[in-house]
Amino acid sequence: MGQYFTNDPNIRSHERIISCYFNETKFDFISDNGVFSKSEIDQGSLVFLKTVTKFYNFQGNILDLGSGYGTIGLILAHFYKRAKFLLADVNTRACALARENAKRFNLSNVEIRETDCFSNITEKFDYILINPPIRAGKKIIYEMFSQAYSHLTADGKLLIVIRKNQGAETASKFIQSVFNNCTLIDRNKGYYIYEAKKELSKAITEN
């Protein structure tokens, strides 16, 4: 059976509309078999959205890595029209759905790109957002966290959401080892939202 973090063109398509309300706005997403959270909007994504829209005013370039059919990136793009969003995922079907959803929401500040982690990404970003694909395993998830560092601007931020019982505290320690900081911004319904800032001194040395 195919997984949402891989590409399996043999998975039979069964498109459906799944809806959510966020900030009094209704979003109707096209979903399909073979993608993450195909039947309902992921609770972790909604908790993450609630937290980041409370604490951040997104500007500049934002990467939603492992974006699926677009829940996080497209909702943020709707509310932060002046920012530019890159939604990136390894799953071809998820990327195609994200493109369709971006069209449905009439968003012009969004790009969708198929990529295995950062293999097809060269830009640097002011924010990198990750709702990690837990089933892909720790090796892949931690690779996403560690490679995020070099793809952030000098004062850029990595923001992640992860459940406590899926390794939140261990993940925060790993991010701390990469960034020299990792702050718990909020926790809600078992989900932890962390922020890691790129250190300016290290960024200057890196460049």
C-alpha atoms as a PDB file:
ATOM      1  CA  MET A   1       0.000   0.000   0.000  1.00  0.00           C
ATOM      2  CA  GLY A   2       1.364   3.415  -0.968  1.00  0.00           C
ATOM      3  CA  GLN A   3       2.324   6.028   1.599  1.00  0.00           C
ATOM      4  CA  TYR A   4       1.620   9.754   1.433  1.00  0.00           C
ATOM      5  CA  PHE A   5       5.342  10.541   1.621  1.00  0.00           C
ATOM      6  CA  THR A   6       6.123   8.479  -1.493  1.00  0.00           C
ATOM      7  CA  ASN A   7       4.910   8.432  -5.096  1.00  0.00           C
ATOM      8  CA  ASP A   8       2.691   5.549  -6.151  1.00  0.00           C
ATOM      9  CA  PRO A   9       0.804   6.262  -9.404  1.00  0.00           C
ATOM     10  CA  ASN A  10      -1.039   2.946  -9.029  1.00  0.00           C
ATOM     11  CA  ILE A  11      -3.150   4.211  -6.129  1.00  0.00           C
ATOM     12  CA  ARG A  12      -6.685   4.603  -7.445  1.00  0.00           C
ATOM     13  CA  SER A  13      -7.840   8.201  -7.477  1.00  0.00           C
ATOM     14  CA  HIS A  14     -10.945   9.138  -5.501  1.00  0.00           C
ATOM     15  CA  GLU A  15     -11.138  12.899  -5.225  1.00  0.00           C
ATOM     16  CA  ARG A  16     -13.290  14.482  -2.552  1.00  0.00           C
ATOM     17  CA  ILE A  17     -13.921  17.898  -1.019  1.00  0.00           C
ATOM     18  CA  ILE A  18     -12.972  18.375   2.629  1.00  0.00           C
ATOM     19  CA  SER A  19     -13.727  21.621   4.379  1.00  0.00           C
ATOM     20  CA  CYS A  20     -12.599  23.645   7.353  1.00  0.00           C
ATOM     21  CA  TYR A  21     -13.256  27.066   8.838  1.00  0.00           C
ATOM     22  CA  PHE A  22     -10.342  29.214   9.903  1.00  0.00           C
ATOM     23  CA  ASN A  23     -10.676  32.804  11.125  1.00  0.00           C
ATOM     24  CA  GLU A  24     -14.325  32.746  10.035  1.00  0.00           C
ATOM     25  CA  THR A  25     -13.349  31.803   6.472  1.00  0.00           C
ATOM     26  CA  LYS A  26     -14.399  28.529   4.876  1.00  0.00           C
ATOM     27  CA  PHE A  27     -11.827  26.605   2.852  1.00  0.00           C
ATOM     28  CA  ASP A  28     -12.925  23.731   0.605  1.00  0.00           C
ATOM     29  CA  PHE A  29      -9.906  21.606  -0.315  1.00  0.00           C
ATOM     30  CA  ILE A  30      -9.774  18.956  -3.013  1.00  0.00           C
ATOM     31  CA  SER A  31      -8.235  15.802  -1.526  1.00  0.00           C
ATOM     32  CA  ASP A  32      -7.582  12.324  -2.916  1.00  0.00           C
ATOM     33  CA  ASN A  33      -6.311   8.882  -2.045  1.00  0.00           C
ATOM     34  CA  GLY A  34      -2.572   8.602  -1.519  1.00  0.00           C
ATOM     35  CA  VAL A  35      -2.095  11.927   0.275  1.00  0.00           C
ATOM     36  CA  PHE A  36      -1.752  12.854   3.935  1.00  0.00           C
ATOM     37  CA  SER A  37      -4.991  13.353   5.872  1.00  0.00           C
ATOM     38  CA  LYS A  38      -7.082  12.535   2.803  1.00  0.00           C
ATOM     39  CA  SER A  39     -10.469  12.447   4.578  1.00  0.00           C
ATOM     40  CA  GLU A  40     -10.290  15.399   6.945  1.00  0.00           C
ATOM     41  CA  ILE A  41      -8.129  18.407   7.697  1.00  0.00           C
ATOM     42  CA  ASP A  42      -5.239  17.390   9.945  1.00  0.00           C
ATOM     43  CA  GLN A  43      -5.738  18.577  13.528  1.00  0.00           C
ATOM     44  CA  GLY A  44      -2.049  19.374  13.886  1.00  0.00           C
ATOM     45  CA  SER A  45      -2.200  21.719  10.920  1.00  0.00           C
ATOM     46  CA  LEU A  46      -5.148  23.598  12.425  1.00  0.00           C
ATOM     47  CA  VAL A  47      -3.431  23.921  15.811  1.00  0.00           C
ATOM     48  CA  PHE A  48      -0.285  25.117  14.050  1.00  0.00           C
ATOM     49  CA  LEU A  49      -2.231  27.698  12.027  1.00  0.00           C
ATOM     50  CA  LYS A  50      -3.975  29.007  15.120  1.00  0.00           C
ATOM     51  CA  THR A  51      -0.645  29.474  16.903  1.00  0.00           C
ATOM     52  CA  VAL A  52       1.424  31.008  14.118  1.00  0.00           C
ATOM     53  CA  THR A  53      -1.254  33.500  13.083  1.00  0.00           C
ATOM     54  CA  LYS A  54      -1.372  34.610  16.705  1.00  0.00           C
ATOM     55  CA  PHE A  55       2.376  35.169  17.094  1.00  0.00           C
ATOM     56  CA  TYR A  56       3.677  36.048  13.609  1.00  0.00           C
ATOM     57  CA  ASN A  57       2.983  38.574  10.873  1.00  0.00           C
ATOM     58  CA  PHE A  58       4.325  36.716   7.868  1.00  0.00           C
ATOM     59  CA  GLN A  59       6.298  38.703   5.316  1.00  0.00           C
ATOM     60  CA  GLY A  60       8.943  37.904   2.727  1.00  0.00           C
ATOM     61  CA  ASN A  61       9.481  34.373   1.453  1.00  0.00           C
ATOM     62  CA  ILE A  62       7.906  31.413   3.240  1.00  0.00           C
ATOM     63  CA  LEU A  63       8.451  27.704   2.595  1.00  0.00           C
ATOM     64  CA  ASP A  64       5.864  25.106   3.590  1.00  0.00           C
ATOM     65  CA  LEU A  65       7.910  21.896   3.391  1.00  0.00           C
ATOM     66  CA  GLY A  66       5.881  18.698   3.167  1.00  0.00           C
ATOM     67  CA  SER A  67       2.875  20.786   2.211  1.00  0.00           C
ATOM     68  CA  GLY A  68       0.534  17.998   1.069  1.00  0.00           C
ATOM     69  CA  TYR A  69      -2.542  19.354  -0.707  1.00  0.00           C
ATOM     70  CA  GLY A  70      -1.869  22.753   0.808  1.00  0.00           C
ATOM     71  CA  THR A  71      -3.645  23.140   4.144  1.00  0.00           C
ATOM     72  CA  ILE A  72      -1.044  25.260   5.942  1.00  0.00           C
ATOM     73  CA  GLY A  73       0.563  27.115   3.054  1.00  0.00           C
ATOM     74  CA  LEU A  74      -2.630  28.031   1.201  1.00  0.00           C
ATOM     75  CA  ILE A  75      -4.538  29.203   4.253  1.00  0.00           C
ATOM     76  CA  LEU A  76      -1.609  31.407   5.264  1.00  0.00           C
ATOM     77  CA  ALA A  77      -1.248  32.675   1.696  1.00  0.00           C
ATOM     78  CA  HIS A  78      -4.899  33.740   1.808  1.00  0.00           C
ATOM     79  CA  PHE A  79      -4.362  35.884   4.894  1.00  0.00           C
ATOM     80  CA  TYR A  80      -0.850  37.168   4.111  1.00  0.00           C
ATOM     81  CA  LYS A  81      -1.160  38.355   0.524  1.00  0.00           C
ATOM     82  CA  ARG A  82       2.102  40.357   0.557  1.00  0.00           C
ATOM     83  CA  ALA A  83       4.204  37.313   1.426  1.00  0.00           C
ATOM     84  CA  LYS A  84       5.364  34.775  -1.163  1.00  0.00           C
ATOM     85  CA  PHE A  85       4.767  31.112  -0.419  1.00  0.00           C
ATOM     86  CA  LEU A  86       6.530  28.052  -1.819  1.00  0.00           C
ATOM     87  CA  LEU A  87       4.665  24.814  -1.114  1.00  0.00           C
ATOM     88  CA  ALA A  88       6.921  21.795  -1.572  1.00  0.00           C
ATOM     89  CA  ASP A  89       6.226  18.069  -1.336  1.00  0.00           C
ATOM     90  CA  VAL A  90       7.669  14.790  -2.619  1.00  0.00           C
ATOM     91  CA  ASN A  91       4.209  13.478  -3.527  1.00  0.00           C
ATOM     92  CA  THR A  92       3.244  14.230  -7.138  1.00  0.00           C
ATOM     93  CA  ARG A  93      -0.478  13.849  -6.510  1.00  0.00           C
ATOM     94  CA  ALA A  94      -0.343  16.123  -3.458  1.00  0.00           C
ATOM     95  CA  CYS A  95       1.407  18.801  -5.503  1.00  0.00           C
ATOM     96  CA  ALA A  96      -1.205  18.548  -8.257  1.00  0.00           C
ATOM     97  CA  LEU A  97      -3.966  18.915  -5.674  1.00  0.00           C
ATOM     98  CA  ALA A  98      -2.214  21.905  -4.086  1.00  0.00           C
ATOM     99  CA  ARG A  99      -2.110  23.603  -7.500  1.00  0.00           C
ATOM    100  CA  GLU A 100      -5.821  23.004  -7.979  1.00  0.00           C
ATOM    101  CA  ASN A 101      -6.576  24.281  -4.491  1.00  0.00           C
ATOM    102  CA  ALA A 102      -4.480  27.408  -5.066  1.00  0.00           C
ATOM    103  CA  LYS A 103      -6.571  28.086  -8.172  1.00  0.00           C
ATOM    104  CA  ARG A 104      -9.802  27.489  -6.232  1.00  0.00           C
ATOM    105  CA  PHE A 105      -8.736  30.067  -3.663  1.00  0.00           C
ATOM    106  CA  ASN A 106      -7.594  32.505  -6.367  1.00  0.00           C
ATOM    107  CA  LEU A 107      -4.104  32.841  -4.891  1.00  0.00           C
ATOM    108  CA  SER A 108      -1.372  34.546  -6.930  1.00  0.00           C
ATOM    109  CA  ASN A 109       1.327  34.562  -4.223  1.00  0.00           C
ATOM    110  CA  VAL A 110       1.917  30.800  -4.258  1.00  0.00           C
ATOM    111  CA  GLU A 111       4.237  28.399  -6.087  1.00  0.00           C
ATOM    112  CA  ILE A 112       3.948  24.606  -5.854  1.00  0.00           C
ATOM    113  CA  ARG A 113       7.065  22.495  -6.359  1.00  0.00           C
ATOM    114  CA  GLU A 114       7.730  18.758  -6.272  1.00  0.00           C
ATOM    115  CA  THR A 115      10.911  17.948  -4.367  1.00  0.00           C
ATOM    116  CA  ASP A 116      12.436  15.276  -2.152  1.00  0.00           C
ATOM    117  CA  CYS A 117      13.212  17.301   0.956  1.00  0.00           C
ATOM    118  CA  PHE A 118      15.421  20.212  -0.237  1.00  0.00           C
ATOM    119  CA  SER A 119      16.795  18.482  -3.360  1.00  0.00           C
ATOM    120  CA  ASN A 120      14.938  20.854  -5.712  1.00  0.00           C
ATOM    121  CA  ILE A 121      15.129  23.969  -3.525  1.00  0.00           C
ATOM    122  CA  THR A 122      17.960  26.498  -3.760  1.00  0.00           C
ATOM    123  CA  GLU A 123      16.310  29.638  -2.340  1.00  0.00           C
ATOM    124  CA  LYS A 124      16.543  31.016   1.175  1.00  0.00           C
ATOM    125  CA  PHE A 125      13.466  31.835   3.223  1.00  0.00           C
ATOM    126  CA  ASP A 126      12.389  34.100   6.042  1.00  0.00           C
ATOM    127  CA  TYR A 127      10.267  31.291   7.476  1.00  0.00           C
ATOM    128  CA  ILE A 128      10.276  27.544   6.956  1.00  0.00           C
ATOM    129  CA  LEU A 129       7.153  25.733   8.174  1.00  0.00           C
ATOM    130  CA  ILE A 130       7.116  21.980   8.760  1.00  0.00           C
ATOM    131  CA  ASN A 131       4.369  19.625   9.875  1.00  0.00           C
ATOM    132  CA  PRO A 132       6.662  16.602   9.655  1.00  0.00           C
ATOM    133  CA  PRO A 133       5.586  13.340   7.967  1.00  0.00           C
ATOM    134  CA  ILE A 134       5.929  11.151  11.059  1.00  0.00           C
ATOM    135  CA  ARG A 135       5.450   7.888   9.175  1.00  0.00           C
ATOM    136  CA  ALA A 136       8.419   8.696   6.963  1.00  0.00           C
ATOM    137  CA  GLY A 137      10.663   8.038   9.960  1.00  0.00           C
ATOM    138  CA  LYS A 138      13.060   9.980  12.125  1.00  0.00           C
ATOM    139  CA  LYS A 139      15.907   9.988   9.579  1.00  0.00           C
ATOM    140  CA  ILE A 140      13.873  11.853   6.958  1.00  0.00           C
ATOM    141  CA  ILE A 141      12.217  14.187   9.456  1.00  0.00           C
ATOM    142  CA  TYR A 142      15.509  15.163  11.066  1.00  0.00           C
ATOM    143  CA  GLU A 143      17.016  15.706   7.627  1.00  0.00           C
ATOM    144  CA  MET A 144      14.230  18.220   6.959  1.00  0.00           C
ATOM    145  CA  PHE A 145      15.053  20.015  10.218  1.00  0.00           C
ATOM    146  CA  SER A 146      18.822  20.064   9.716  1.00  0.00           C
ATOM    147  CA  GLN A 147      18.745  21.141   6.062  1.00  0.00           C
ATOM    148  CA  ALA A 148      16.298  23.912   6.908  1.00  0.00           C
ATOM    149  CA  TYR A 149      19.127  25.814   8.619  1.00  0.00           C
ATOM    150  CA  SER A 150      21.088  26.566   5.436  1.00  0.00           C
ATOM    151  CA  HIS A 151      17.884  27.545   3.607  1.00  0.00           C
ATOM    152  CA  LEU A 152      16.971  30.311   6.038  1.00  0.00           C
ATOM    153  CA  THR A 153      17.900  33.967   5.713  1.00  0.00           C
ATOM    154  CA  ALA A 154      20.250  35.468   8.323  1.00  0.00           C
ATOM    155  CA  ASP A 155      17.421  36.077  10.782  1.00  0.00           C
ATOM    156  CA  GLY A 156      15.053  33.403   9.472  1.00  0.00           C
ATOM    157  CA  LYS A 157      12.918  31.100  11.592  1.00  0.00           C
ATOM    158  CA  LEU A 158      12.008  27.429  11.481  1.00  0.00           C
ATOM    159  CA  LEU A 159       8.519  26.682  12.816  1.00  0.00           C
ATOM    160  CA  ILE A 160       7.325  23.118  13.385  1.00  0.00           C
ATOM    161  CA  VAL A 161       4.351  21.313  14.893  1.00  0.00           C
ATOM    162  CA  ILE A 162       4.694  17.836  16.368  1.00  0.00           C
ATOM    163  CA  ARG A 163       2.714  15.754  18.838  1.00  0.00           C
ATOM    164  CA  LYS A 164       4.202  15.087  22.231  1.00  0.00           C
ATOM    165  CA  ASN A 165       3.681  11.340  21.885  1.00  0.00           C
ATOM    166  CA  GLN A 166       5.352  11.350  18.467  1.00  0.00           C
ATOM    167  CA  GLY A 167       8.678  12.622  19.742  1.00  0.00           C
ATOM    168  CA  ALA A 168       8.232  16.345  20.304  1.00  0.00           C
ATOM    169  CA  GLU A 169      10.797  16.645  23.082  1.00  0.00           C
ATOM    170  CA  THR A 170      13.422  14.564  21.272  1.00  0.00           C
ATOM    171  CA  ALA A 171      12.857  16.575  18.092  1.00  0.00           C
ATOM    172  CA  SER A 172      13.310  19.835  19.996  1.00  0.00           C
ATOM    173  CA  LYS A 173      16.649  18.613  21.367  1.00  0.00           C
ATOM    174  CA  PHE A 174      17.820  17.757  17.860  1.00  0.00           C
ATOM    175  CA  ILE A 175      16.759  21.161  16.519  1.00  0.00           C
ATOM    176  CA  GLN A 176      18.554  22.761  19.469  1.00  0.00           C
ATOM    177  CA  SER A 177      21.745  20.950  18.427  1.00  0.00           C
ATOM    178  CA  VAL A 178      21.452  22.391  14.909  1.00  0.00           C
ATOM    179  CA  PHE A 179      20.305  25.942  15.679  1.00  0.00           C
ATOM    180  CA  ASN A 180      21.671  26.430  19.217  1.00  0.00           C
ATOM    181  CA  ASN A 181      18.112  27.355  20.205  1.00  0.00           C
ATOM    182  CA  CYS A 182      14.618  25.900  20.119  1.00  0.00           C
ATOM    183  CA  THR A 183      11.700  27.574  21.884  1.00  0.00           C
ATOM    184  CA  LEU A 184       8.335  26.061  22.724  1.00  0.00           C
ATOM    185  CA  ILE A 185       5.898  28.690  21.437  1.00  0.00           C
ATOM    186  CA  ASP A 186       2.669  26.941  22.357  1.00  0.00           C
ATOM    187  CA  ARG A 187       1.087  23.584  23.070  1.00  0.00           C
ATOM    188  CA  ASN A 188      -2.479  22.582  22.425  1.00  0.00           C
ATOM    189  CA  LYS A 189      -4.343  19.263  22.297  1.00  0.00           C
ATOM    190  CA  GLY A 190      -1.097  17.312  22.598  1.00  0.00           C
ATOM    191  CA  TYR A 191       0.643  19.254  19.824  1.00  0.00           C
ATOM    192  CA  TYR A 192       3.812  21.250  20.470  1.00  0.00           C
ATOM    193  CA  ILE A 193       4.788  24.215  18.300  1.00  0.00           C
ATOM    194  CA  TYR A 194       8.485  25.087  18.287  1.00  0.00           C
ATOM    195  CA  GLU A 195      10.484  27.997  16.889  1.00  0.00           C
ATOM    196  CA  ALA A 196      14.193  27.921  16.050  1.00  0.00           C
ATOM    197  CA  LYS A 197      15.966  31.110  14.968  1.00  0.00           C
ATOM    198  CA  LYS A 198      18.971  31.162  12.713  1.00  0.00           C
ATOM    199  CA  GLU A 199      21.819  32.751  14.634  1.00  0.00           C
ATOM    200  CA  LEU A 200      23.083  35.875  12.911  1.00  0.00           C
ATOM    201  CA  SER A 201      26.709  35.261  13.851  1.00  0.00           C
ATOM    202  CA  LYS A 202      26.641  31.733  12.425  1.00  0.00           C
ATOM    203  CA  ALA A 203      24.826  32.935   9.313  1.00  0.00           C
ATOM    204  CA  ILE A 204      27.548  35.517   8.621  1.00  0.00           C
ATOM    205  CA  THR A 205      30.236  32.857   9.034  1.00  0.00           C
ATOM    206  CA  GLU A 206      28.295  30.504   6.779  1.00  0.00           C
ATOM    207  CA  ASN A 207      28.147  33.089   3.986  1.00  0.00           C
END
